[in-house]
Amino acid sequence: MKAEKHKIVLGDSGYPVMHELFVPKAIFFTNGVGVHKDRLSSFELALRDAGIEKANLVTVSSIFPPRCKEMSRKEGEKLIMPGQIVHCVMARQDTNEPNRLIAAAIGLARPADKDRYGYLSEHHSYGETARKAGDYAEDLAATMLATTLGVEFDPEKAWNEREQVFRLEKTILKTRNIVQSAEGHPKAVWSTVIACGVFIF
């Protein structure tokens, strides 16, 4: 079966046909939070909240592939079958300290040229608001892409200033982030937050 360019092709099973070069064709973003007396169970509940608990997850580093399509979480979940090995970029944080603020964020920076690769970044922290953690992750991804593309900017400037430079730069198409934050449970049980970019082949 020959895959059309830029289109996800489903095989007889109804799931995507694996690309011969093992390069993801698409990605979707998701996040979740879980609370449980057991640390591992709180992570499982966060995966359930994110809709990816049925997959065997393999975490990978931070390259956004050329010509990779962004799809909605709803679309992406339909393309994962139970037990499937699924690759993702994941940020994860947990705590069992009452009221301690935790956050996990994924940033994305994609180039205007679809044949070039972009960057994903993971950031997990204590004591940061969702907005601060999300901005930081987005900043990381945008900065990595900017240095690859040769964009001139002042690394000492605050993110909101550099963001304006990046948005005006025609070689950078888009930056964004997805974040999940939570406060530690008052009864000192485990709270876990995750943010993921999930690849579809």
N, C-alpha and C. Protein backbone atom coordinates (compact mmCIF):
# COMPACT_ATOMS: atom_id res chain seq x y z
N MET A 1 0.84 -1.17 0.00
CA MET A 1 0.00 0.00 0.00
C MET A 1 0.88 1.23 0.00
N LYS A 2 0.66 2.14 -0.93
CA LYS A 2 1.49 3.35 -1.04
C LYS A 2 0.82 4.49 -0.29
N ALA A 3 1.58 5.12 0.58
CA ALA A 3 1.03 6.22 1.37
C ALA A 3 1.11 7.52 0.58
N GLU A 4 0.02 8.27 0.55
CA GLU A 4 0.04 9.59 -0.04
C GLU A 4 0.85 10.51 0.86
N LYS A 5 1.53 11.46 0.25
CA LYS A 5 2.35 12.38 1.02
C LYS A 5 1.47 13.24 1.92
N HIS A 6 1.90 13.42 3.15
CA HIS A 6 1.22 14.25 4.15
C HIS A 6 -0.12 13.68 4.60
N LYS A 7 -0.41 12.45 4.35
CA LYS A 7 -1.69 11.89 4.75
C LYS A 7 -1.46 10.61 5.54
N ILE A 8 -2.21 10.47 6.64
CA ILE A 8 -2.11 9.24 7.43
C ILE A 8 -2.93 8.17 6.74
N VAL A 9 -2.27 7.06 6.41
CA VAL A 9 -2.94 5.96 5.72
C VAL A 9 -3.19 4.84 6.70
N LEU A 10 -4.42 4.36 6.74
CA LEU A 10 -4.77 3.26 7.62
C LEU A 10 -4.66 1.94 6.88
N GLY A 11 -4.12 0.93 7.56
CA GLY A 11 -4.03 -0.40 6.98
C GLY A 11 -5.32 -1.17 7.18
N ASP A 12 -5.31 -2.47 6.87
CA ASP A 12 -6.49 -3.31 7.00
C ASP A 12 -7.00 -3.37 8.44
N SER A 13 -6.10 -3.20 9.38
CA SER A 13 -6.49 -3.26 10.81
C SER A 13 -7.22 -2.01 11.25
N GLY A 14 -7.17 -0.96 10.43
CA GLY A 14 -7.78 0.30 10.82
C GLY A 14 -6.83 1.24 11.54
N TYR A 15 -5.58 0.80 11.70
CA TYR A 15 -4.57 1.62 12.36
C TYR A 15 -3.52 2.06 11.34
N PRO A 16 -2.76 3.11 11.67
CA PRO A 16 -1.80 3.63 10.69
C PRO A 16 -0.77 2.61 10.23
N VAL A 17 -0.42 2.69 8.96
CA VAL A 17 0.64 1.87 8.39
C VAL A 17 1.97 2.48 8.82
N MET A 18 2.87 1.66 9.38
CA MET A 18 4.15 2.17 9.88
C MET A 18 5.03 2.64 8.73
N HIS A 19 5.56 3.83 8.88
CA HIS A 19 6.44 4.38 7.86
C HIS A 19 7.75 3.60 7.84
N GLU A 20 8.25 3.32 6.64
CA GLU A 20 9.44 2.50 6.52
C GLU A 20 10.68 3.12 7.16
N LEU A 21 10.71 4.45 7.30
CA LEU A 21 11.85 5.10 7.93
C LEU A 21 11.61 5.41 9.40
N PHE A 22 10.47 4.99 9.91
CA PHE A 22 10.13 5.17 11.32
C PHE A 22 10.12 6.64 11.71
N VAL A 23 9.63 7.46 10.80
CA VAL A 23 9.48 8.89 11.08
C VAL A 23 8.00 9.19 11.31
N PRO A 24 7.66 9.80 12.42
CA PRO A 24 6.24 10.07 12.68
C PRO A 24 5.60 10.95 11.62
N LYS A 25 4.36 10.62 11.29
CA LYS A 25 3.60 11.41 10.32
C LYS A 25 2.77 12.48 11.01
N ALA A 26 2.46 12.25 12.29
CA ALA A 26 1.57 13.18 12.99
C ALA A 26 1.88 13.18 14.48
N ILE A 27 1.31 14.16 15.16
CA ILE A 27 1.48 14.29 16.60
C ILE A 27 0.20 14.88 17.20
N PHE A 28 -0.12 14.45 18.40
CA PHE A 28 -1.18 15.15 19.13
C PHE A 28 -0.68 15.43 20.54
N PHE A 29 -1.24 16.46 21.15
CA PHE A 29 -0.82 16.89 22.47
C PHE A 29 -1.91 16.60 23.49
N THR A 30 -1.48 16.20 24.68
CA THR A 30 -2.43 15.87 25.72
C THR A 30 -1.80 16.12 27.08
N ASN A 31 -2.63 16.19 28.10
CA ASN A 31 -2.14 16.40 29.46
C ASN A 31 -3.09 15.76 30.45
N GLY A 32 -2.62 15.59 31.67
CA GLY A 32 -3.48 14.96 32.67
C GLY A 32 -2.92 15.08 34.07
N VAL A 33 -3.78 14.79 35.04
CA VAL A 33 -3.39 14.81 36.45
C VAL A 33 -3.99 13.61 37.15
N GLY A 34 -3.25 13.03 38.09
CA GLY A 34 -3.74 11.88 38.84
C GLY A 34 -3.38 12.00 40.31
N VAL A 35 -4.27 11.53 41.16
CA VAL A 35 -4.06 11.58 42.61
C VAL A 35 -4.34 10.21 43.21
N HIS A 36 -3.38 9.68 44.00
CA HIS A 36 -3.56 8.36 44.61
C HIS A 36 -2.56 8.21 45.76
N LYS A 37 -2.84 7.34 46.70
CA LYS A 37 -1.92 7.13 47.81
C LYS A 37 -0.61 6.48 47.36
N ASP A 38 -0.65 5.74 46.24
CA ASP A 38 0.54 5.12 45.68
C ASP A 38 1.08 5.97 44.53
N ARG A 39 2.38 6.19 44.53
CA ARG A 39 2.99 7.05 43.51
C ARG A 39 2.74 6.54 42.09
N LEU A 40 2.98 5.25 41.87
CA LEU A 40 2.79 4.70 40.53
C LEU A 40 1.34 4.80 40.08
N SER A 41 0.42 4.56 41.00
CA SER A 41 -1.00 4.63 40.66
C SER A 41 -1.41 6.06 40.31
N SER A 42 -0.79 7.03 40.96
CA SER A 42 -1.12 8.42 40.61
C SER A 42 -0.65 8.74 39.19
N PHE A 43 0.48 8.15 38.78
CA PHE A 43 0.95 8.31 37.40
C PHE A 43 -0.01 7.65 36.42
N GLU A 44 -0.46 6.45 36.76
CA GLU A 44 -1.43 5.75 35.92
C GLU A 44 -2.71 6.57 35.74
N LEU A 45 -3.17 7.17 36.82
CA LEU A 45 -4.38 7.98 36.74
C LEU A 45 -4.17 9.24 35.90
N ALA A 46 -2.95 9.79 35.94
CA ALA A 46 -2.63 10.93 35.08
C ALA A 46 -2.64 10.51 33.61
N LEU A 47 -2.12 9.30 33.33
CA LEU A 47 -2.17 8.78 31.96
C LEU A 47 -3.61 8.58 31.50
N ARG A 48 -4.45 8.09 32.40
CA ARG A 48 -5.87 7.91 32.06
C ARG A 48 -6.53 9.25 31.77
N ASP A 49 -6.21 10.23 32.60
CA ASP A 49 -6.77 11.56 32.39
C ASP A 49 -6.34 12.13 31.04
N ALA A 50 -5.11 11.76 30.63
CA ALA A 50 -4.58 12.23 29.34
C ALA A 50 -5.07 11.37 28.17
N GLY A 51 -5.71 10.22 28.46
CA GLY A 51 -6.25 9.38 27.40
C GLY A 51 -5.25 8.47 26.73
N ILE A 52 -4.09 8.21 27.38
CA ILE A 52 -3.06 7.40 26.73
C ILE A 52 -2.63 6.22 27.59
N GLU A 53 -3.45 5.86 28.57
CA GLU A 53 -3.07 4.78 29.49
C GLU A 53 -3.03 3.41 28.85
N LYS A 54 -3.70 3.24 27.70
CA LYS A 54 -3.76 1.91 27.07
C LYS A 54 -2.51 1.59 26.26
N ALA A 55 -1.62 2.58 26.09
CA ALA A 55 -0.42 2.39 25.27
C ALA A 55 0.79 2.05 26.14
N ASN A 56 1.75 1.34 25.55
CA ASN A 56 3.07 1.16 26.15
C ASN A 56 3.94 2.31 25.65
N LEU A 57 4.21 3.26 26.53
CA LEU A 57 4.85 4.50 26.12
C LEU A 57 6.36 4.41 26.14
N VAL A 58 6.98 4.91 25.08
CA VAL A 58 8.43 5.03 24.98
C VAL A 58 8.74 6.51 24.84
N THR A 59 9.47 7.07 25.79
CA THR A 59 9.78 8.49 25.71
C THR A 59 11.00 8.71 24.82
N VAL A 60 10.92 9.75 24.01
CA VAL A 60 12.00 10.09 23.08
C VAL A 60 12.37 11.55 23.28
N SER A 61 13.45 11.97 22.63
CA SER A 61 13.90 13.35 22.78
C SER A 61 13.13 14.28 21.85
N SER A 62 13.74 15.39 21.49
CA SER A 62 12.93 16.56 21.20
C SER A 62 12.86 17.07 19.76
N ILE A 63 12.90 16.20 18.78
CA ILE A 63 12.82 16.67 17.39
C ILE A 63 11.38 16.54 16.87
N PHE A 64 10.88 17.66 16.34
CA PHE A 64 9.58 17.66 15.66
C PHE A 64 9.85 17.36 14.19
N PRO A 65 9.41 16.21 13.67
CA PRO A 65 9.82 15.78 12.33
C PRO A 65 9.32 16.70 11.21
N PRO A 66 10.07 16.75 10.11
CA PRO A 66 9.58 17.49 8.95
C PRO A 66 8.23 16.95 8.49
N ARG A 67 7.37 17.84 8.05
CA ARG A 67 6.06 17.51 7.50
C ARG A 67 5.16 16.73 8.46
N CYS A 68 5.40 16.89 9.74
CA CYS A 68 4.59 16.23 10.75
C CYS A 68 3.30 17.04 10.96
N LYS A 69 2.18 16.36 10.91
CA LYS A 69 0.88 17.02 11.03
C LYS A 69 0.44 17.05 12.49
N GLU A 70 -0.08 18.18 12.92
CA GLU A 70 -0.69 18.26 14.25
C GLU A 70 -2.16 17.84 14.14
N MET A 71 -2.57 16.97 15.03
CA MET A 71 -3.97 16.56 15.06
C MET A 71 -4.52 16.75 16.46
N SER A 72 -5.83 16.70 16.58
CA SER A 72 -6.46 16.87 17.88
C SER A 72 -6.26 15.62 18.73
N ARG A 73 -6.40 15.79 20.03
CA ARG A 73 -6.32 14.64 20.94
C ARG A 73 -7.38 13.60 20.57
N LYS A 74 -8.57 14.06 20.25
CA LYS A 74 -9.66 13.14 19.91
C LYS A 74 -9.31 12.30 18.69
N GLU A 75 -8.73 12.94 17.67
CA GLU A 75 -8.31 12.20 16.47
C GLU A 75 -7.19 11.22 16.81
N GLY A 76 -6.22 11.69 17.59
CA GLY A 76 -5.05 10.87 17.89
C GLY A 76 -5.38 9.64 18.72
N GLU A 77 -6.25 9.79 19.69
CA GLU A 77 -6.61 8.65 20.55
C GLU A 77 -7.22 7.50 19.74
N LYS A 78 -7.92 7.84 18.67
CA LYS A 78 -8.55 6.82 17.84
C LYS A 78 -7.53 5.96 17.09
N LEU A 79 -6.30 6.46 16.98
CA LEU A 79 -5.27 5.76 16.21
C LEU A 79 -4.33 4.94 17.09
N ILE A 80 -4.68 4.80 18.37
CA ILE A 80 -3.86 4.01 19.29
C ILE A 80 -4.67 2.81 19.76
N MET A 81 -4.07 1.64 19.63
CA MET A 81 -4.75 0.43 20.08
C MET A 81 -4.14 -0.06 21.39
N PRO A 82 -4.89 -0.78 22.21
CA PRO A 82 -4.37 -1.26 23.49
C PRO A 82 -3.09 -2.09 23.33
N GLY A 83 -2.09 -1.76 24.15
CA GLY A 83 -0.83 -2.49 24.11
C GLY A 83 0.16 -2.00 23.08
N GLN A 84 -0.25 -1.08 22.24
CA GLN A 84 0.63 -0.58 21.19
C GLN A 84 1.82 0.17 21.80
N ILE A 85 2.99 -0.01 21.21
CA ILE A 85 4.16 0.77 21.61
C ILE A 85 4.04 2.14 20.95
N VAL A 86 3.98 3.17 21.77
CA VAL A 86 3.75 4.53 21.29
C VAL A 86 4.90 5.42 21.77
N HIS A 87 5.45 6.18 20.86
CA HIS A 87 6.54 7.09 21.20
C HIS A 87 5.98 8.47 21.54
N CYS A 88 6.57 9.08 22.55
CA CYS A 88 6.08 10.39 22.96
C CYS A 88 7.20 11.21 23.59
N VAL A 89 7.02 12.51 23.58
CA VAL A 89 7.85 13.42 24.37
C VAL A 89 7.01 13.75 25.60
N MET A 90 7.52 13.44 26.78
CA MET A 90 6.73 13.58 28.01
C MET A 90 7.44 14.43 29.06
N ALA A 91 6.69 15.32 29.68
CA ALA A 91 7.14 16.02 30.88
C ALA A 91 6.28 15.48 32.02
N ARG A 92 6.91 15.20 33.17
CA ARG A 92 6.19 14.57 34.29
C ARG A 92 6.74 15.11 35.61
N GLN A 93 5.82 15.40 36.52
CA GLN A 93 6.24 15.83 37.84
C GLN A 93 5.26 15.29 38.88
N ASP A 94 5.75 15.03 40.08
CA ASP A 94 4.85 14.55 41.13
C ASP A 94 5.29 15.05 42.50
N THR A 95 4.38 14.95 43.46
CA THR A 95 4.67 15.35 44.83
C THR A 95 3.69 14.67 45.77
N ASN A 96 4.12 14.46 47.01
CA ASN A 96 3.19 14.03 48.06
C ASN A 96 3.20 15.05 49.20
N GLU A 97 3.69 16.25 48.90
CA GLU A 97 3.69 17.33 49.88
C GLU A 97 2.41 18.15 49.74
N PRO A 98 1.67 18.32 50.80
CA PRO A 98 0.41 19.08 50.74
C PRO A 98 0.61 20.48 50.17
N ASN A 99 -0.23 20.82 49.21
CA ASN A 99 -0.30 22.17 48.63
C ASN A 99 0.94 22.59 47.83
N ARG A 100 1.88 21.68 47.61
CA ARG A 100 3.06 22.06 46.81
C ARG A 100 2.64 22.14 45.33
N LEU A 101 3.00 23.23 44.69
CA LEU A 101 2.62 23.45 43.29
C LEU A 101 3.57 22.71 42.36
N ILE A 102 3.01 21.93 41.44
CA ILE A 102 3.82 21.21 40.46
C ILE A 102 3.29 21.50 39.06
N ALA A 103 4.17 21.38 38.08
CA ALA A 103 3.77 21.63 36.69
C ALA A 103 4.61 20.79 35.75
N ALA A 104 4.00 20.42 34.63
CA ALA A 104 4.69 19.71 33.55
C ALA A 104 4.24 20.35 32.24
N ALA A 105 5.20 20.64 31.37
CA ALA A 105 4.87 21.35 30.13
C ALA A 105 5.69 20.84 28.96
N ILE A 106 5.08 20.90 27.79
CA ILE A 106 5.75 20.61 26.53
C ILE A 106 5.66 21.85 25.66
N GLY A 107 6.79 22.27 25.10
CA GLY A 107 6.81 23.39 24.17
C GLY A 107 7.05 22.89 22.75
N LEU A 108 6.53 23.62 21.79
CA LEU A 108 6.71 23.28 20.38
C LEU A 108 7.12 24.52 19.61
N ALA A 109 8.11 24.36 18.74
CA ALA A 109 8.48 25.40 17.78
C ALA A 109 8.66 24.74 16.43
N ARG A 110 7.88 25.17 15.46
CA ARG A 110 7.97 24.55 14.13
C ARG A 110 8.37 25.58 13.08
N PRO A 111 9.22 25.17 12.14
CA PRO A 111 9.69 26.11 11.11
C PRO A 111 8.65 26.33 10.02
N ALA A 112 8.76 27.45 9.34
CA ALA A 112 7.85 27.75 8.23
C ALA A 112 8.08 26.79 7.07
N ASP A 113 9.33 26.37 6.87
CA ASP A 113 9.67 25.41 5.82
C ASP A 113 9.31 24.02 6.31
N LYS A 114 8.29 23.42 5.72
CA LYS A 114 7.80 22.12 6.18
C LYS A 114 8.81 20.99 6.01
N ASP A 115 9.82 21.21 5.17
CA ASP A 115 10.83 20.18 4.96
C ASP A 115 11.95 20.22 6.00
N ARG A 116 11.88 21.19 6.91
CA ARG A 116 12.86 21.27 7.98
C ARG A 116 12.23 20.77 9.27
N TYR A 117 13.07 20.35 10.19
CA TYR A 117 12.56 19.86 11.47
C TYR A 117 12.45 21.00 12.49
N GLY A 118 11.58 20.77 13.46
CA GLY A 118 11.42 21.72 14.55
C GLY A 118 11.83 21.09 15.87
N TYR A 119 11.40 21.71 16.97
CA TYR A 119 11.79 21.23 18.29
C TYR A 119 10.60 21.12 19.24
N LEU A 120 10.68 20.09 20.08
CA LEU A 120 9.80 19.93 21.22
C LEU A 120 10.67 20.02 22.46
N SER A 121 10.13 20.57 23.52
CA SER A 121 10.90 20.65 24.77
C SER A 121 10.05 20.16 25.92
N GLU A 122 10.72 19.59 26.94
CA GLU A 122 10.02 19.14 28.14
C GLU A 122 10.49 19.99 29.32
N HIS A 123 9.53 20.37 30.15
CA HIS A 123 9.88 21.14 31.35
C HIS A 123 8.97 20.67 32.49
N HIS A 124 9.56 20.36 33.63
CA HIS A 124 8.79 19.98 34.81
C HIS A 124 9.36 20.72 36.01
N SER A 125 8.48 21.21 36.86
CA SER A 125 8.97 22.11 37.90
C SER A 125 8.12 22.05 39.16
N TYR A 126 8.69 22.63 40.21
CA TYR A 126 7.97 22.88 41.46
C TYR A 126 7.80 24.38 41.62
N GLY A 127 6.68 24.79 42.17
CA GLY A 127 6.50 26.19 42.54
C GLY A 127 6.21 27.15 41.41
N GLU A 128 5.98 26.65 40.20
CA GLU A 128 5.67 27.51 39.07
C GLU A 128 4.19 27.41 38.71
N THR A 129 3.62 28.53 38.30
CA THR A 129 2.25 28.50 37.78
C THR A 129 2.25 27.80 36.43
N ALA A 130 1.07 27.40 35.98
CA ALA A 130 0.94 26.76 34.67
C ALA A 130 1.46 27.69 33.57
N ARG A 131 1.11 28.96 33.67
CA ARG A 131 1.54 29.90 32.63
C ARG A 131 3.06 30.03 32.58
N LYS A 132 3.68 30.15 33.74
CA LYS A 132 5.13 30.30 33.76
C LYS A 132 5.82 29.06 33.21
N ALA A 133 5.34 27.87 33.61
CA ALA A 133 5.94 26.62 33.13
C ALA A 133 5.72 26.47 31.62
N GLY A 134 4.52 26.80 31.15
CA GLY A 134 4.23 26.69 29.72
C GLY A 134 5.08 27.64 28.90
N ASP A 135 5.21 28.89 29.37
CA ASP A 135 6.04 29.87 28.66
C ASP A 135 7.50 29.42 28.62
N TYR A 136 7.97 28.84 29.72
CA TYR A 136 9.35 28.39 29.77
C TYR A 136 9.61 27.28 28.75
N ALA A 137 8.69 26.31 28.69
CA ALA A 137 8.83 25.21 27.73
C ALA A 137 8.79 25.73 26.30
N GLU A 138 7.88 26.65 26.04
CA GLU A 138 7.78 27.23 24.69
C GLU A 138 9.04 28.00 24.34
N ASP A 139 9.57 28.73 25.29
CA ASP A 139 10.82 29.48 25.12
C ASP A 139 11.96 28.53 24.77
N LEU A 140 12.06 27.41 25.51
CA LEU A 140 13.12 26.44 25.23
C LEU A 140 13.07 25.95 23.79
N ALA A 141 11.86 25.55 23.35
CA ALA A 141 11.71 25.01 22.00
C ALA A 141 12.03 26.08 20.95
N ALA A 142 11.50 27.29 21.17
CA ALA A 142 11.72 28.38 20.21
C ALA A 142 13.19 28.76 20.12
N THR A 143 13.86 28.77 21.26
CA THR A 143 15.28 29.12 21.27
C THR A 143 16.12 28.07 20.54
N MET A 144 15.81 26.80 20.76
CA MET A 144 16.53 25.74 20.05
C MET A 144 16.34 25.85 18.54
N LEU A 145 15.09 26.12 18.12
CA LEU A 145 14.83 26.26 16.69
C LEU A 145 15.53 27.50 16.13
N ALA A 146 15.45 28.59 16.86
CA ALA A 146 16.06 29.84 16.38
C ALA A 146 17.56 29.68 16.18
N THR A 147 18.23 28.99 17.09
CA THR A 147 19.67 28.80 16.94
C THR A 147 19.98 27.90 15.74
N THR A 148 19.12 26.93 15.48
CA THR A 148 19.31 26.05 14.32
C THR A 148 19.12 26.82 13.01
N LEU A 149 18.16 27.74 13.01
CA LEU A 149 17.85 28.50 11.80
C LEU A 149 18.75 29.72 11.61
N GLY A 150 19.57 30.02 12.62
CA GLY A 150 20.46 31.18 12.52
C GLY A 150 19.77 32.50 12.79
N VAL A 151 18.66 32.48 13.52
CA VAL A 151 17.93 33.71 13.86
C VAL A 151 18.71 34.45 14.94
N GLU A 152 18.90 35.74 14.74
CA GLU A 152 19.64 36.55 15.71
C GLU A 152 18.68 37.06 16.79
N PHE A 153 19.05 36.84 18.04
CA PHE A 153 18.25 37.33 19.16
C PHE A 153 19.13 37.45 20.38
N ASP A 154 18.65 38.18 21.36
CA ASP A 154 19.39 38.38 22.60
C ASP A 154 18.92 37.35 23.61
N PRO A 155 19.75 36.35 23.94
CA PRO A 155 19.33 35.29 24.87
C PRO A 155 19.08 35.79 26.29
N GLU A 156 19.54 37.01 26.60
CA GLU A 156 19.37 37.56 27.95
C GLU A 156 18.01 38.24 28.13
N LYS A 157 17.32 38.50 27.04
CA LYS A 157 16.02 39.17 27.14
C LYS A 157 14.96 38.20 27.65
N ALA A 158 13.92 38.75 28.24
CA ALA A 158 12.82 37.94 28.75
C ALA A 158 12.08 37.28 27.59
N TRP A 159 11.38 36.18 27.89
CA TRP A 159 10.68 35.42 26.87
C TRP A 159 9.69 36.28 26.09
N ASN A 160 8.94 37.15 26.77
CA ASN A 160 7.92 37.92 26.05
C ASN A 160 8.56 38.86 25.02
N GLU A 161 9.79 39.31 25.27
CA GLU A 161 10.49 40.14 24.28
C GLU A 161 11.01 39.29 23.13
N ARG A 162 11.61 38.15 23.47
CA ARG A 162 12.12 37.27 22.41
C ARG A 162 10.99 36.67 21.59
N GLU A 163 9.85 36.44 22.25
CA GLU A 163 8.69 35.88 21.54
C GLU A 163 8.28 36.80 20.39
N GLN A 164 8.33 38.11 20.62
CA GLN A 164 7.98 39.06 19.56
C GLN A 164 8.97 38.97 18.41
N VAL A 165 10.24 38.79 18.73
CA VAL A 165 11.26 38.64 17.68
C VAL A 165 10.98 37.38 16.86
N PHE A 166 10.69 36.28 17.56
CA PHE A 166 10.44 35.01 16.89
C PHE A 166 9.17 35.07 16.03
N ARG A 167 8.15 35.77 16.53
CA ARG A 167 6.89 35.85 15.77
C ARG A 167 7.05 36.67 14.49
N LEU A 168 7.98 37.63 14.52
CA LEU A 168 8.24 38.43 13.33
C LEU A 168 9.18 37.73 12.36
N GLU A 169 9.87 36.71 12.83
CA GLU A 169 10.84 35.98 12.02
C GLU A 169 10.11 35.03 11.07
N LYS A 170 10.26 35.23 9.78
CA LYS A 170 9.50 34.47 8.78
C LYS A 170 9.91 33.01 8.68
N THR A 171 11.07 32.65 9.22
CA THR A 171 11.50 31.25 9.14
C THR A 171 10.85 30.40 10.24
N ILE A 172 10.25 31.06 11.24
CA ILE A 172 9.56 30.34 12.31
C ILE A 172 8.06 30.48 12.11
N LEU A 173 7.39 29.36 11.93
CA LEU A 173 5.96 29.38 11.66
C LEU A 173 5.13 29.53 12.92
N LYS A 174 5.47 28.76 13.95
CA LYS A 174 4.58 28.68 15.09
C LYS A 174 5.30 28.21 16.35
N THR A 175 4.92 28.78 17.48
CA THR A 175 5.33 28.24 18.77
C THR A 175 4.09 28.09 19.63
N ARG A 176 4.10 27.11 20.52
CA ARG A 176 2.97 26.88 21.41
C ARG A 176 3.41 26.00 22.57
N ASN A 177 2.52 25.80 23.53
CA ASN A 177 2.83 24.89 24.63
C ASN A 177 1.56 24.24 25.13
N ILE A 178 1.75 23.13 25.82
CA ILE A 178 0.67 22.49 26.56
C ILE A 178 1.20 22.20 27.95
N VAL A 179 0.38 22.46 28.96
CA VAL A 179 0.87 22.38 30.33
C VAL A 179 -0.21 21.81 31.24
N GLN A 180 0.23 21.14 32.29
CA GLN A 180 -0.67 20.67 33.34
C GLN A 180 -0.04 21.03 34.67
N SER A 181 -0.81 21.66 35.54
CA SER A 181 -0.31 21.97 36.87
C SER A 181 -1.31 21.47 37.91
N ALA A 182 -0.85 21.36 39.15
CA ALA A 182 -1.72 20.94 40.24
C ALA A 182 -1.05 21.30 41.56
N GLU A 183 -1.85 21.32 42.60
CA GLU A 183 -1.32 21.49 43.95
C GLU A 183 -1.32 20.14 44.64
N GLY A 184 -0.30 19.90 45.44
CA GLY A 184 -0.24 18.66 46.20
C GLY A 184 -1.49 18.48 47.04
N HIS A 185 -1.96 17.24 47.11
CA HIS A 185 -3.20 16.95 47.84
C HIS A 185 -3.04 17.26 49.33
N PRO A 186 -4.05 17.89 49.95
CA PRO A 186 -3.93 18.25 51.38
C PRO A 186 -3.74 17.06 52.31
N LYS A 187 -4.11 15.86 51.87
CA LYS A 187 -3.94 14.67 52.71
C LYS A 187 -2.61 13.96 52.48
N ALA A 188 -1.71 14.63 51.75
CA ALA A 188 -0.35 14.13 51.53
C ALA A 188 -0.29 12.81 50.77
N VAL A 189 -1.24 12.59 49.87
CA VAL A 189 -1.13 11.46 48.94
C VAL A 189 -0.44 11.98 47.67
N TRP A 190 -0.09 11.07 46.78
CA TRP A 190 0.68 11.46 45.60
C TRP A 190 -0.19 12.15 44.54
N SER A 191 0.34 13.24 44.01
CA SER A 191 -0.27 13.93 42.86
C SER A 191 0.76 13.92 41.73
N THR A 192 0.32 13.56 40.54
CA THR A 192 1.20 13.52 39.37
C THR A 192 0.59 14.33 38.23
N VAL A 193 1.41 15.11 37.56
CA VAL A 193 0.97 15.84 36.36
C VAL A 193 1.84 15.43 35.19
N ILE A 194 1.23 15.34 34.02
CA ILE A 194 1.98 15.03 32.80
C ILE A 194 1.51 15.92 31.65
N ALA A 195 2.42 16.15 30.74
CA ALA A 195 2.10 16.80 29.46
C ALA A 195 2.86 16.01 28.40
N CYS A 196 2.21 15.72 27.28
CA CYS A 196 2.82 14.85 26.27
C CYS A 196 2.57 15.33 24.85
N GLY A 197 3.56 15.13 24.02
CA GLY A 197 3.39 15.18 22.58
C GLY A 197 3.48 13.74 22.11
N VAL A 198 2.40 13.19 21.56
CA VAL A 198 2.31 11.78 21.23
C VAL A 198 2.41 11.60 19.71
N PHE A 199 3.39 10.79 19.29
CA PHE A 199 3.65 10.60 17.87
C PHE A 199 2.76 9.49 17.28
N ILE A 200 2.31 9.72 16.07
CA ILE A 200 1.56 8.72 15.30
C ILE A 200 2.36 8.44 14.04
N PHE A 201 2.56 7.15 13.75
CA PHE A 201 3.36 6.73 12.58
C PHE A 201 2.48 6.34 11.40
